[in-house]
Amino acid sequence: MTNKHYCQGPTCHTRHTTDRFQKSTGRFRGRYASFKINQNSFNGNYNYMQLFCSQGCANAWLNHHTDNIINRRPINFITERRVGDGVYKIEKSQYGWNNFERVDSPE
C-alpha cells in the first residue's frame, strides 16, 4: 500500500493522458496525490497537495464542491482509485505522440 492518498479531483480519472492509462485493462484511472500523507510544507502547515495530483485537480474539486462547502454539507473522501469508463487501445502516430482509440461500444 502506498503512503499517498488517491487524487480527489472529480475528473482526474477521465483525462486521456499516458500516465493515467493502464495498458493491462485498457482503462484510464486517477493518479496518486503529489505529496506523501505525512509530508508537511516548509512552515509546518497542512499542504493540500497531499490530496490532489495537480493544481488543476484542486481547482476542479473546489469548483465542484463550492455549494457543499457554503451549505456545510459533508463531502465524501475518495478511498479507492477511480477508473474511467470505456476500454481504449493506445497507438503511436506517425508524428510520435500517442493516440487513444476506444475499442468498446459506448452506451
PDB file of N, CA and C in Angstrom:
ATOM      1  N   MET A   1       0.844  -1.182   0.000  1.00  0.00           N
ATOM      2  CA  MET A   1       0.000   0.000   0.000  1.00  0.00           C
ATOM      3  C   MET A   1       0.883   1.237   0.000  1.00  0.00           C
ATOM      4  N   THR A   2       0.505   2.191  -0.799  1.00  0.00           N
ATOM      5  CA  THR A   2       1.284   3.411  -0.903  1.00  0.00           C
ATOM      6  C   THR A   2       1.011   4.341   0.274  1.00  0.00           C
ATOM      7  N   ASN A   3       1.891   5.282   0.483  1.00  0.00           N
ATOM      8  CA  ASN A   3       1.690   6.242   1.563  1.00  0.00           C
ATOM      9  C   ASN A   3       1.209   7.573   1.004  1.00  0.00           C
ATOM     10  N   LYS A   4       0.401   7.514  -0.057  1.00  0.00           N
ATOM     11  CA  LYS A   4      -0.222   8.688  -0.642  1.00  0.00           C
ATOM     12  C   LYS A   4      -1.720   8.446  -0.781  1.00  0.00           C
ATOM     13  N   HIS A   5      -2.496   9.536  -0.707  1.00  0.00           N
ATOM     14  CA  HIS A   5      -3.937   9.453  -0.962  1.00  0.00           C
ATOM     15  C   HIS A   5      -4.166   9.372  -2.459  1.00  0.00           C
ATOM     16  N   TYR A   6      -5.348   8.900  -2.853  1.00  0.00           N
ATOM     17  CA  TYR A   6      -5.752   8.988  -4.248  1.00  0.00           C
ATOM     18  C   TYR A   6      -6.174  10.416  -4.521  1.00  0.00           C
ATOM     19  N   CYS A   7      -5.944  10.889  -5.731  1.00  0.00           N
ATOM     20  CA  CYS A   7      -6.310  12.255  -6.091  1.00  0.00           C
ATOM     21  C   CYS A   7      -7.816  12.426  -5.908  1.00  0.00           C
ATOM     22  N   GLN A   8      -8.218  13.518  -5.278  1.00  0.00           N
ATOM     23  CA  GLN A   8      -9.619  13.791  -5.001  1.00  0.00           C
ATOM     24  C   GLN A   8     -10.305  14.555  -6.131  1.00  0.00           C
ATOM     25  N   GLY A   9      -9.572  14.871  -7.194  1.00  0.00           N
ATOM     26  CA  GLY A   9     -10.140  15.616  -8.320  1.00  0.00           C
ATOM     27  C   GLY A   9     -11.311  14.883  -8.947  1.00  0.00           C
ATOM     28  N   PRO A  10     -12.405  15.589  -9.241  1.00  0.00           N
ATOM     29  CA  PRO A  10     -13.613  14.914  -9.746  1.00  0.00           C
ATOM     30  C   PRO A  10     -13.463  14.339 -11.151  1.00  0.00           C
ATOM     31  N   THR A  11     -12.538  14.856 -11.947  1.00  0.00           N
ATOM     32  CA  THR A  11     -12.392  14.359 -13.320  1.00  0.00           C
ATOM     33  C   THR A  11     -10.989  13.831 -13.596  1.00  0.00           C
ATOM     34  N   CYS A  12     -10.214  13.574 -12.577  1.00  0.00           N
ATOM     35  CA  CYS A  12      -8.836  13.114 -12.757  1.00  0.00           C
ATOM     36  C   CYS A  12      -8.785  11.803 -13.540  1.00  0.00           C
ATOM     37  N   HIS A  13      -9.706  10.913 -13.287  1.00  0.00           N
ATOM     38  CA  HIS A  13      -9.693   9.600 -13.929  1.00  0.00           C
ATOM     39  C   HIS A  13     -10.245   9.610 -15.351  1.00  0.00           C
ATOM     40  N   THR A  14     -10.737  10.744 -15.820  1.00  0.00           N
ATOM     41  CA  THR A  14     -11.303  10.802 -17.163  1.00  0.00           C
ATOM     42  C   THR A  14     -10.368  11.467 -18.165  1.00  0.00           C
ATOM     43  N   ARG A  15      -9.260  12.018 -17.728  1.00  0.00           N
ATOM     44  CA  ARG A  15      -8.332  12.694 -18.630  1.00  0.00           C
ATOM     45  C   ARG A  15      -7.501  11.664 -19.395  1.00  0.00           C
ATOM     46  N   HIS A  16      -7.394  11.852 -20.680  1.00  0.00           N
ATOM     47  CA  HIS A  16      -6.710  10.890 -21.548  1.00  0.00           C
ATOM     48  C   HIS A  16      -5.242  11.260 -21.703  1.00  0.00           C
ATOM     49  N   THR A  17      -4.442  10.844 -20.735  1.00  0.00           N
ATOM     50  CA  THR A  17      -3.000  11.047 -20.789  1.00  0.00           C
ATOM     51  C   THR A  17      -2.309   9.705 -20.575  1.00  0.00           C
ATOM     52  N   THR A  18      -1.075   9.584 -21.028  1.00  0.00           N
ATOM     53  CA  THR A  18      -0.387   8.300 -20.957  1.00  0.00           C
ATOM     54  C   THR A  18      -0.077   7.884 -19.527  1.00  0.00           C
ATOM     55  N   ASP A  19       0.112   8.825 -18.616  1.00  0.00           N
ATOM     56  CA  ASP A  19       0.413   8.426 -17.241  1.00  0.00           C
ATOM     57  C   ASP A  19      -0.818   7.940 -16.490  1.00  0.00           C
ATOM     58  N   ARG A  20      -2.008   8.207 -17.007  1.00  0.00           N
ATOM     59  CA  ARG A  20      -3.232   7.707 -16.384  1.00  0.00           C
ATOM     60  C   ARG A  20      -3.722   6.424 -17.053  1.00  0.00           C
ATOM     61  N   PHE A  21      -3.142   6.045 -18.175  1.00  0.00           N
ATOM     62  CA  PHE A  21      -3.593   4.877 -18.942  1.00  0.00           C
ATOM     63  C   PHE A  21      -2.957   3.609 -18.387  1.00  0.00           C
ATOM     64  N   GLN A  22      -3.783   2.600 -18.143  1.00  0.00           N
ATOM     65  CA  GLN A  22      -3.302   1.311 -17.656  1.00  0.00           C
ATOM     66  C   GLN A  22      -3.434   0.315 -18.804  1.00  0.00           C
ATOM     67  N   LYS A  23      -2.300  -0.121 -19.349  1.00  0.00           N
ATOM     68  CA  LYS A  23      -2.308  -0.990 -20.523  1.00  0.00           C
ATOM     69  C   LYS A  23      -3.002  -2.322 -20.275  1.00  0.00           C
ATOM     70  N   SER A  24      -2.828  -2.888 -19.092  1.00  0.00           N
ATOM     71  CA  SER A  24      -3.361  -4.226 -18.835  1.00  0.00           C
ATOM     72  C   SER A  24      -4.887  -4.271 -18.902  1.00  0.00           C
ATOM     73  N   THR A  25      -5.557  -3.188 -18.504  1.00  0.00           N
ATOM     74  CA  THR A  25      -7.017  -3.166 -18.542  1.00  0.00           C
ATOM     75  C   THR A  25      -7.552  -2.313 -19.679  1.00  0.00           C
ATOM     76  N   GLY A  26      -6.721  -1.442 -20.240  1.00  0.00           N
ATOM     77  CA  GLY A  26      -7.167  -0.560 -21.307  1.00  0.00           C
ATOM     78  C   GLY A  26      -8.022   0.584 -20.813  1.00  0.00           C
ATOM     79  N   ARG A  27      -7.902   0.922 -19.543  1.00  0.00           N
ATOM     80  CA  ARG A  27      -8.731   1.973 -18.951  1.00  0.00           C
ATOM     81  C   ARG A  27      -7.861   3.088 -18.377  1.00  0.00           C
ATOM     82  N   PHE A  28      -8.500   4.251 -18.236  1.00  0.00           N
ATOM     83  CA  PHE A  28      -7.843   5.376 -17.587  1.00  0.00           C
ATOM     84  C   PHE A  28      -8.206   5.363 -16.113  1.00  0.00           C
ATOM     85  N   ARG A  29      -7.263   5.741 -15.269  1.00  0.00           N
ATOM     86  CA  ARG A  29      -7.513   5.746 -13.823  1.00  0.00           C
ATOM     87  C   ARG A  29      -6.936   7.017 -13.224  1.00  0.00           C
ATOM     88  N   GLY A  30      -7.376   7.335 -12.027  1.00  0.00           N
ATOM     89  CA  GLY A  30      -6.892   8.527 -11.339  1.00  0.00           C
ATOM     90  C   GLY A  30      -5.473   8.340 -10.836  1.00  0.00           C
ATOM     91  N   ARG A  31      -4.809   9.444 -10.597  1.00  0.00           N
ATOM     92  CA  ARG A  31      -3.441   9.423 -10.104  1.00  0.00           C
ATOM     93  C   ARG A  31      -3.422   9.398  -8.582  1.00  0.00           C
ATOM     94  N   TYR A  32      -2.205   9.225  -8.039  1.00  0.00           N
ATOM     95  CA  TYR A  32      -1.982   9.459  -6.619  1.00  0.00           C
ATOM     96  C   TYR A  32      -1.746  10.955  -6.415  1.00  0.00           C
ATOM     97  N   ALA A  33      -1.922  11.426  -5.198  1.00  0.00           N
ATOM     98  CA  ALA A  33      -1.657  12.820  -4.871  1.00  0.00           C
ATOM     99  C   ALA A  33      -0.166  13.118  -5.013  1.00  0.00           C
ATOM    100  N   SER A  34       0.170  14.396  -5.096  1.00  0.00           N
ATOM    101  CA  SER A  34       1.562  14.797  -5.314  1.00  0.00           C
ATOM    102  C   SER A  34       2.455  14.514  -4.115  1.00  0.00           C
ATOM    103  N   PHE A  35       1.981  14.818  -2.910  1.00  0.00           N
ATOM    104  CA  PHE A  35       2.808  14.694  -1.710  1.00  0.00           C
ATOM    105  C   PHE A  35       2.382  13.505  -0.873  1.00  0.00           C
ATOM    106  N   LYS A  36       3.307  12.997  -0.077  1.00  0.00           N
ATOM    107  CA  LYS A  36       3.012  11.893   0.833  1.00  0.00           C
ATOM    108  C   LYS A  36       2.073  12.360   1.942  1.00  0.00           C
ATOM    109  N   ILE A  37       1.415  11.412   2.596  1.00  0.00           N
ATOM    110  CA  ILE A  37       0.428  11.723   3.624  1.00  0.00           C
ATOM    111  C   ILE A  37       1.041  12.507   4.782  1.00  0.00           C
ATOM    112  N   ASN A  38       2.218  12.141   5.234  1.00  0.00           N
ATOM    113  CA  ASN A  38       2.821  12.782   6.402  1.00  0.00           C
ATOM    114  C   ASN A  38       3.768  13.928   6.054  1.00  0.00           C
ATOM    115  N   GLN A  39       3.820  14.327   4.803  1.00  0.00           N
ATOM    116  CA  GLN A  39       4.739  15.383   4.392  1.00  0.00           C
ATOM    117  C   GLN A  39       4.108  16.746   4.645  1.00  0.00           C
ATOM    118  N   ASN A  40       4.740  17.558   5.491  1.00  0.00           N
ATOM    119  CA  ASN A  40       4.258  18.905   5.771  1.00  0.00           C
ATOM    120  C   ASN A  40       4.983  19.902   4.890  1.00  0.00           C
ATOM    121  N   SER A  41       4.372  21.049   4.712  1.00  0.00           N
ATOM    122  CA  SER A  41       5.029  22.095   3.939  1.00  0.00           C
ATOM    123  C   SER A  41       6.172  22.682   4.764  1.00  0.00           C
ATOM    124  N   PHE A  42       6.927  23.587   4.173  1.00  0.00           N
ATOM    125  CA  PHE A  42       8.126  24.105   4.826  1.00  0.00           C
ATOM    126  C   PHE A  42       7.837  24.861   6.118  1.00  0.00           C
ATOM    127  N   ASN A  43       6.617  25.402   6.288  1.00  0.00           N
ATOM    128  CA  ASN A  43       6.304  26.127   7.519  1.00  0.00           C
ATOM    129  C   ASN A  43       5.497  25.289   8.512  1.00  0.00           C
ATOM    130  N   GLY A  44       5.344  23.993   8.235  1.00  0.00           N
ATOM    131  CA  GLY A  44       4.689  23.095   9.175  1.00  0.00           C
ATOM    132  C   GLY A  44       3.183  23.000   9.032  1.00  0.00           C
ATOM    133  N   ASN A  45       2.588  23.744   8.114  1.00  0.00           N
ATOM    134  CA  ASN A  45       1.140  23.692   7.920  1.00  0.00           C
ATOM    135  C   ASN A  45       0.760  22.529   7.021  1.00  0.00           C
ATOM    136  N   TYR A  46      -0.505  22.155   7.042  1.00  0.00           N
ATOM    137  CA  TYR A  46      -1.001  21.073   6.190  1.00  0.00           C
ATOM    138  C   TYR A  46      -0.953  21.527   4.745  1.00  0.00           C
ATOM    139  N   ASN A  47      -0.494  20.676   3.865  1.00  0.00           N
ATOM    140  CA  ASN A  47      -0.393  21.014   2.460  1.00  0.00           C
ATOM    141  C   ASN A  47      -1.502  20.312   1.693  1.00  0.00           C
ATOM    142  N   TYR A  48      -2.319  21.071   0.965  1.00  0.00           N
ATOM    143  CA  TYR A  48      -3.440  20.482   0.234  1.00  0.00           C
ATOM    144  C   TYR A  48      -3.005  19.586  -0.909  1.00  0.00           C
ATOM    145  N   MET A  49      -1.746  19.651  -1.319  1.00  0.00           N
ATOM    146  CA  MET A  49      -1.275  18.771  -2.386  1.00  0.00           C
ATOM    147  C   MET A  49      -1.104  17.335  -1.890  1.00  0.00           C
ATOM    148  N   GLN A  50      -1.393  17.074  -0.622  1.00  0.00           N
ATOM    149  CA  GLN A  50      -1.477  15.708  -0.120  1.00  0.00           C
ATOM    150  C   GLN A  50      -2.784  15.054  -0.578  1.00  0.00           C
ATOM    151  N   LEU A  51      -3.693  15.841  -1.163  1.00  0.00           N
ATOM    152  CA  LEU A  51      -4.986  15.338  -1.600  1.00  0.00           C
ATOM    153  C   LEU A  51      -5.192  15.384  -3.113  1.00  0.00           C
ATOM    154  N   PHE A  52      -4.341  16.124  -3.827  1.00  0.00           N
ATOM    155  CA  PHE A  52      -4.532  16.317  -5.265  1.00  0.00           C
ATOM    156  C   PHE A  52      -3.237  16.054  -6.016  1.00  0.00           C
ATOM    157  N   CYS A  53      -3.373  15.643  -7.281  1.00  0.00           N
ATOM    158  CA  CYS A  53      -2.186  15.381  -8.101  1.00  0.00           C
ATOM    159  C   CYS A  53      -1.689  16.645  -8.788  1.00  0.00           C
ATOM    160  N   SER A  54      -2.545  17.642  -8.929  1.00  0.00           N
ATOM    161  CA  SER A  54      -2.149  18.870  -9.607  1.00  0.00           C
ATOM    162  C   SER A  54      -3.018  20.025  -9.135  1.00  0.00           C
ATOM    163  N   GLN A  55      -2.582  21.231  -9.473  1.00  0.00           N
ATOM    164  CA  GLN A  55      -3.365  22.426  -9.156  1.00  0.00           C
ATOM    165  C   GLN A  55      -4.699  22.410  -9.903  1.00  0.00           C
ATOM    166  N   GLY A  56      -4.702  21.869 -11.121  1.00  0.00           N
ATOM    167  CA  GLY A  56      -5.937  21.774 -11.900  1.00  0.00           C
ATOM    168  C   GLY A  56      -6.980  20.902 -11.223  1.00  0.00           C
ATOM    169  N   CYS A  57      -6.553  19.771 -10.654  1.00  0.00           N
ATOM    170  CA  CYS A  57      -7.496  18.903  -9.939  1.00  0.00           C
ATOM    171  C   CYS A  57      -8.008  19.584  -8.668  1.00  0.00           C
ATOM    172  N   ALA A  58      -7.141  20.328  -7.991  1.00  0.00           N
ATOM    173  CA  ALA A  58      -7.566  21.043  -6.785  1.00  0.00           C
ATOM    174  C   ALA A  58      -8.611  22.105  -7.133  1.00  0.00           C
ATOM    175  N   ASN A  59      -8.404  22.845  -8.215  1.00  0.00           N
ATOM    176  CA  ASN A  59      -9.372  23.859  -8.641  1.00  0.00           C
ATOM    177  C   ASN A  59     -10.677  23.223  -9.096  1.00  0.00           C
ATOM    178  N   ALA A  60     -10.603  22.102  -9.811  1.00  0.00           N
ATOM    179  CA  ALA A  60     -11.812  21.407 -10.256  1.00  0.00           C
ATOM    180  C   ALA A  60     -12.617  20.901  -9.062  1.00  0.00           C
ATOM    181  N   TRP A  61     -11.934  20.397  -8.034  1.00  0.00           N
ATOM    182  CA  TRP A  61     -12.614  19.920  -6.834  1.00  0.00           C
ATOM    183  C   TRP A  61     -13.317  21.072  -6.135  1.00  0.00           C
ATOM    184  N   LEU A  62     -12.632  22.209  -6.016  1.00  0.00           N
ATOM    185  CA  LEU A  62     -13.225  23.368  -5.354  1.00  0.00           C
ATOM    186  C   LEU A  62     -14.430  23.881  -6.136  1.00  0.00           C
ATOM    187  N   ASN A  63     -14.329  23.945  -7.467  1.00  0.00           N
ATOM    188  CA  ASN A  63     -15.469  24.369  -8.283  1.00  0.00           C
ATOM    189  C   ASN A  63     -16.645  23.408  -8.141  1.00  0.00           C
ATOM    190  N   HIS A  64     -16.361  22.124  -8.047  1.00  0.00           N
ATOM    191  CA  HIS A  64     -17.404  21.103  -7.958  1.00  0.00           C
ATOM    192  C   HIS A  64     -18.092  21.099  -6.591  1.00  0.00           C
ATOM    193  N   HIS A  65     -17.363  21.410  -5.525  1.00  0.00           N
ATOM    194  CA  HIS A  65     -17.894  21.286  -4.165  1.00  0.00           C
ATOM    195  C   HIS A  65     -18.150  22.611  -3.449  1.00  0.00           C
ATOM    196  N   THR A  66     -18.109  23.722  -4.147  1.00  0.00           N
ATOM    197  CA  THR A  66     -18.304  25.022  -3.502  1.00  0.00           C
ATOM    198  C   THR A  66     -19.662  25.123  -2.823  1.00  0.00           C
ATOM    199  N   ASP A  67     -20.724  24.664  -3.476  1.00  0.00           N
ATOM    200  CA  ASP A  67     -22.056  24.722  -2.862  1.00  0.00           C
ATOM    201  C   ASP A  67     -22.118  23.886  -1.587  1.00  0.00           C
ATOM    202  N   ASN A  68     -21.494  22.714  -1.591  1.00  0.00           N
ATOM    203  CA  ASN A  68     -21.480  21.872  -0.396  1.00  0.00           C
ATOM    204  C   ASN A  68     -20.725  22.550   0.748  1.00  0.00           C
ATOM    205  N   ILE A  69     -19.640  23.237   0.425  1.00  0.00           N
ATOM    206  CA  ILE A  69     -18.870  23.922   1.455  1.00  0.00           C
ATOM    207  C   ILE A  69     -19.676  25.075   2.040  1.00  0.00           C
ATOM    208  N   ILE A  70     -20.308  25.867   1.186  1.00  0.00           N
ATOM    209  CA  ILE A  70     -21.096  27.010   1.656  1.00  0.00           C
ATOM    210  C   ILE A  70     -22.262  26.546   2.510  1.00  0.00           C
ATOM    211  N   ASN A  71     -22.934  25.477   2.118  1.00  0.00           N
ATOM    212  CA  ASN A  71     -24.100  24.975   2.844  1.00  0.00           C
ATOM    213  C   ASN A  71     -23.743  23.980   3.936  1.00  0.00           C
ATOM    214  N   ARG A  72     -22.455  23.786   4.186  1.00  0.00           N
ATOM    215  CA  ARG A  72     -21.943  22.921   5.251  1.00  0.00           C
ATOM    216  C   ARG A  72     -22.436  21.480   5.151  1.00  0.00           C
ATOM    217  N   ARG A  73     -22.480  20.979   3.920  1.00  0.00           N
ATOM    218  CA  ARG A  73     -22.833  19.584   3.703  1.00  0.00           C
ATOM    219  C   ARG A  73     -21.558  18.758   3.650  1.00  0.00           C
ATOM    220  N   PRO A  74     -21.606  17.521   4.106  1.00  0.00           N
ATOM    221  CA  PRO A  74     -20.402  16.683   4.077  1.00  0.00           C
ATOM    222  C   PRO A  74     -20.002  16.322   2.650  1.00  0.00           C
ATOM    223  N   ILE A  75     -18.695  16.175   2.455  1.00  0.00           N
ATOM    224  CA  ILE A  75     -18.140  15.794   1.164  1.00  0.00           C
ATOM    225  C   ILE A  75     -17.429  14.463   1.353  1.00  0.00           C
ATOM    226  N   ASN A  76     -17.768  13.484   0.533  1.00  0.00           N
ATOM    227  CA  ASN A  76     -17.166  12.158   0.649  1.00  0.00           C
ATOM    228  C   ASN A  76     -15.706  12.183   0.233  1.00  0.00           C
ATOM    229  N   PHE A  77     -14.871  11.483   1.000  1.00  0.00           N
ATOM    230  CA  PHE A  77     -13.453  11.354   0.705  1.00  0.00           C
ATOM    231  C   PHE A  77     -13.251  10.104  -0.139  1.00  0.00           C
ATOM    232  N   ILE A  78     -12.507  10.212  -1.218  1.00  0.00           N
ATOM    233  CA  ILE A  78     -12.282   9.089  -2.130  1.00  0.00           C
ATOM    234  C   ILE A  78     -11.219   8.175  -1.525  1.00  0.00           C
ATOM    235  N   THR A  79     -11.592   6.927  -1.280  1.00  0.00           N
ATOM    236  CA  THR A  79     -10.675   5.978  -0.656  1.00  0.00           C
ATOM    237  C   THR A  79     -10.241   4.861  -1.603  1.00  0.00           C
ATOM    238  N   GLU A  80     -10.795   4.833  -2.821  1.00  0.00           N
ATOM    239  CA  GLU A  80     -10.415   3.832  -3.816  1.00  0.00           C
ATOM    240  C   GLU A  80     -10.075   4.538  -5.112  1.00  0.00           C
ATOM    241  N   ARG A  81      -9.146   3.965  -5.848  1.00  0.00           N
ATOM    242  CA  ARG A  81      -8.762   4.558  -7.124  1.00  0.00           C
ATOM    243  C   ARG A  81      -9.920   4.441  -8.097  1.00  0.00           C
ATOM    244  N   ARG A  82     -10.302   5.562  -8.674  1.00  0.00           N
ATOM    245  CA  ARG A  82     -11.399   5.567  -9.636  1.00  0.00           C
ATOM    246  C   ARG A  82     -10.878   5.209 -11.023  1.00  0.00           C
ATOM    247  N   VAL A  83     -11.740   4.558 -11.790  1.00  0.00           N
ATOM    248  CA  VAL A  83     -11.389   4.108 -13.134  1.00  0.00           C
ATOM    249  C   VAL A  83     -12.395   4.711 -14.102  1.00  0.00           C
ATOM    250  N   GLY A  84     -11.908   5.216 -15.234  1.00  0.00           N
ATOM    251  CA  GLY A  84     -12.768   5.828 -16.232  1.00  0.00           C
ATOM    252  C   GLY A  84     -13.610   4.809 -16.980  1.00  0.00           C
ATOM    253  N   ASP A  85     -14.620   5.312 -17.662  1.00  0.00           N
ATOM    254  CA  ASP A  85     -15.497   4.458 -18.469  1.00  0.00           C
ATOM    255  C   ASP A  85     -14.844   4.162 -19.802  1.00  0.00           C
ATOM    256  N   GLY A  86     -15.141   3.011 -20.346  1.00  0.00           N
ATOM    257  CA  GLY A  86     -14.666   2.657 -21.678  1.00  0.00           C
ATOM    258  C   GLY A  86     -13.319   1.962 -21.670  1.00  0.00           C
ATOM    259  N   VAL A  87     -13.104   1.169 -22.711  1.00  0.00           N
ATOM    260  CA  VAL A  87     -11.837   0.467 -22.903  1.00  0.00           C
ATOM    261  C   VAL A  87     -11.176   1.053 -24.148  1.00  0.00           C
ATOM    262  N   TYR A  88      -9.898   1.354 -24.034  1.00  0.00           N
ATOM    263  CA  TYR A  88      -9.158   2.003 -25.112  1.00  0.00           C
ATOM    264  C   TYR A  88      -7.930   1.185 -25.472  1.00  0.00           C
ATOM    265  N   LYS A  89      -7.403   1.445 -26.646  1.00  0.00           N
ATOM    266  CA  LYS A  89      -6.089   0.923 -27.002  1.00  0.00           C
ATOM    267  C   LYS A  89      -5.233   2.111 -27.417  1.00  0.00           C
ATOM    268  N   ILE A  90      -3.944   1.975 -27.220  1.00  0.00           N
ATOM    269  CA  ILE A  90      -3.017   3.058 -27.489  1.00  0.00           C
ATOM    270  C   ILE A  90      -2.250   2.752 -28.770  1.00  0.00           C
ATOM    271  N   GLU A  91      -2.084   3.764 -29.601  1.00  0.00           N
ATOM    272  CA  GLU A  91      -1.324   3.629 -30.842  1.00  0.00           C
ATOM    273  C   GLU A  91      -0.424   4.842 -30.996  1.00  0.00           C
ATOM    274  N   LYS A  92       0.771   4.598 -31.485  1.00  0.00           N
ATOM    275  CA  LYS A  92       1.689   5.708 -31.795  1.00  0.00           C
ATOM    276  C   LYS A  92       1.321   6.285 -33.159  1.00  0.00           C
ATOM    277  N   SER A  93       1.267   7.592 -33.243  1.00  0.00           N
ATOM    278  CA  SER A  93       1.017   8.223 -34.529  1.00  0.00           C
ATOM    279  C   SER A  93       2.325   8.355 -35.294  1.00  0.00           C
ATOM    280  N   GLN A  94       2.224   8.743 -36.522  1.00  0.00           N
ATOM    281  CA  GLN A  94       3.440   8.897 -37.333  1.00  0.00           C
ATOM    282  C   GLN A  94       4.291  10.061 -36.850  1.00  0.00           C
ATOM    283  N   TYR A  95       3.725  10.959 -36.049  1.00  0.00           N
ATOM    284  CA  TYR A  95       4.463  12.117 -35.552  1.00  0.00           C
ATOM    285  C   TYR A  95       5.067  11.879 -34.166  1.00  0.00           C
ATOM    286  N   GLY A  96       4.810  10.711 -33.575  1.00  0.00           N
ATOM    287  CA  GLY A  96       5.447  10.355 -32.316  1.00  0.00           C
ATOM    288  C   GLY A  96       4.586  10.480 -31.080  1.00  0.00           C
ATOM    289  N   TRP A  97       3.403  11.060 -31.160  1.00  0.00           N
ATOM    290  CA  TRP A  97       2.559  11.134 -29.976  1.00  0.00           C
ATOM    291  C   TRP A  97       1.584   9.969 -29.937  1.00  0.00           C
ATOM    292  N   ASN A  98       0.941   9.806 -28.803  1.00  0.00           N
ATOM    293  CA  ASN A  98       0.053   8.660 -28.594  1.00  0.00           C
ATOM    294  C   ASN A  98      -1.381   9.019 -28.950  1.00  0.00           C
ATOM    295  N   ASN A  99      -2.049   8.112 -29.617  1.00  0.00           N
ATOM    296  CA  ASN A  99      -3.476   8.226 -29.906  1.00  0.00           C
ATOM    297  C   ASN A  99      -4.205   7.155 -29.119  1.00  0.00           C
ATOM    298  N   PHE A 100      -5.325   7.521 -28.530  1.00  0.00           N
ATOM    299  CA  PHE A 100      -6.156   6.572 -27.804  1.00  0.00           C
ATOM    300  C   PHE A 100      -7.424   6.342 -28.606  1.00  0.00           C
ATOM    301  N   GLU A 101      -7.689   5.074 -28.915  1.00  0.00           N
ATOM    302  CA  GLU A 101      -8.870   4.721 -29.689  1.00  0.00           C
ATOM    303  C   GLU A 101      -9.766   3.842 -28.821  1.00  0.00           C
ATOM    304  N   ARG A 102     -11.028   4.241 -28.720  1.00  0.00           N
ATOM    305  CA  ARG A 102     -11.965   3.456 -27.908  1.00  0.00           C
ATOM    306  C   ARG A 102     -12.334   2.195 -28.664  1.00  0.00           C
ATOM    307  N   VAL A 103     -12.211   1.037 -27.991  1.00  0.00           N
ATOM    308  CA  VAL A 103     -12.462  -0.242 -28.651  1.00  0.00           C
ATOM    309  C   VAL A 103     -13.753  -0.906 -28.196  1.00  0.00           C
ATOM    310  N   ASP A 104     -14.362  -0.437 -27.129  1.00  0.00           N
ATOM    311  CA  ASP A 104     -15.676  -0.965 -26.752  1.00  0.00           C
ATOM    312  C   ASP A 104     -16.741  -0.025 -27.313  1.00  0.00           C
ATOM    313  N   SER A 105     -17.951  -0.488 -27.385  1.00  0.00           N
ATOM    314  CA  SER A 105     -19.009   0.347 -27.928  1.00  0.00           C
ATOM    315  C   SER A 105     -19.571   1.231 -26.811  1.00  0.00           C
ATOM    316  N   PRO A 106     -19.574   2.570 -27.013  1.00  0.00           N
ATOM    317  CA  PRO A 106     -20.140   3.448 -25.987  1.00  0.00           C
ATOM    318  C   PRO A 106     -21.643   3.250 -25.911  1.00  0.00           C
ATOM    319  N   GLU A 107     -22.148   3.314 -24.704  1.00  0.00           N
ATOM    320  CA  GLU A 107     -23.591   3.069 -24.498  1.00  0.00           C
ATOM    321  C   GLU A 107     -24.347   4.352 -24.408  1.00  0.00           C
TER     322      GLU A 107
END
